[in-house]
Amino acid sequence: MFADADDKTAMKAFPRRWLTFFGGCILVLLIMLLFEHTLASVK
């Protein structure tokens, strides 16, 4: 999936892969914040 035979195709796909990586990181961050807000709240 992430293996390319040459640099030209790898560089062409880089922006999509970069956005996928950071989109996944942001998704994990939002899920962690949601859990922290709902499950770890102390009243």
Protein backbone atom coordinates (compact mmCIF):
# COMPACT_ATOMS: atom_id res chain seq x y z
CA MET A 1 0.00 0.00 0.00
CA PHE A 2 2.75 2.48 0.91
CA ALA A 3 5.52 0.90 -1.17
CA ASP A 4 6.38 2.70 -4.41
CA ALA A 5 8.88 1.57 -6.99
CA ASP A 6 10.25 5.02 -7.74
CA ASP A 7 10.47 8.43 -6.11
CA LYS A 8 8.22 10.18 -8.60
CA THR A 9 5.10 8.24 -7.64
CA ALA A 10 6.04 8.41 -3.96
CA MET A 11 6.34 12.20 -4.06
CA LYS A 12 3.10 12.44 -6.00
CA ALA A 13 1.24 10.54 -3.28
CA PHE A 14 2.96 12.35 -0.38
CA PRO A 15 0.33 15.08 0.23
CA ARG A 16 -2.48 12.51 0.48
CA ARG A 17 -0.46 10.35 2.84
CA TRP A 18 0.52 13.39 4.94
CA LEU A 19 -3.11 14.46 5.27
CA THR A 20 -4.16 10.91 6.10
CA PHE A 21 -1.54 10.70 8.86
CA PHE A 22 -2.44 14.03 10.45
CA GLY A 23 -6.16 13.39 9.99
CA GLY A 24 -5.75 10.14 11.91
CA CYS A 25 -3.77 11.90 14.64
CA ILE A 26 -6.47 14.55 15.00
CA LEU A 27 -9.14 11.85 15.15
CA VAL A 28 -7.28 10.06 17.95
CA LEU A 29 -6.86 13.37 19.79
CA LEU A 30 -10.57 14.14 19.55
CA ILE A 31 -11.51 10.68 20.80
CA MET A 32 -9.10 11.03 23.74
CA LEU A 33 -10.54 14.44 24.62
CA LEU A 34 -14.07 13.08 24.41
CA PHE A 35 -13.22 10.18 26.73
CA GLU A 36 -11.41 12.49 29.12
CA HIS A 37 -14.38 14.83 29.21
CA THR A 38 -17.01 12.14 29.71
CA LEU A 39 -15.32 9.31 31.63
CA ALA A 40 -12.72 11.09 33.74
CA SER A 41 -14.83 14.00 34.92
CA VAL A 42 -14.89 14.47 38.69
CA LYS A 43 -17.83 16.20 40.32
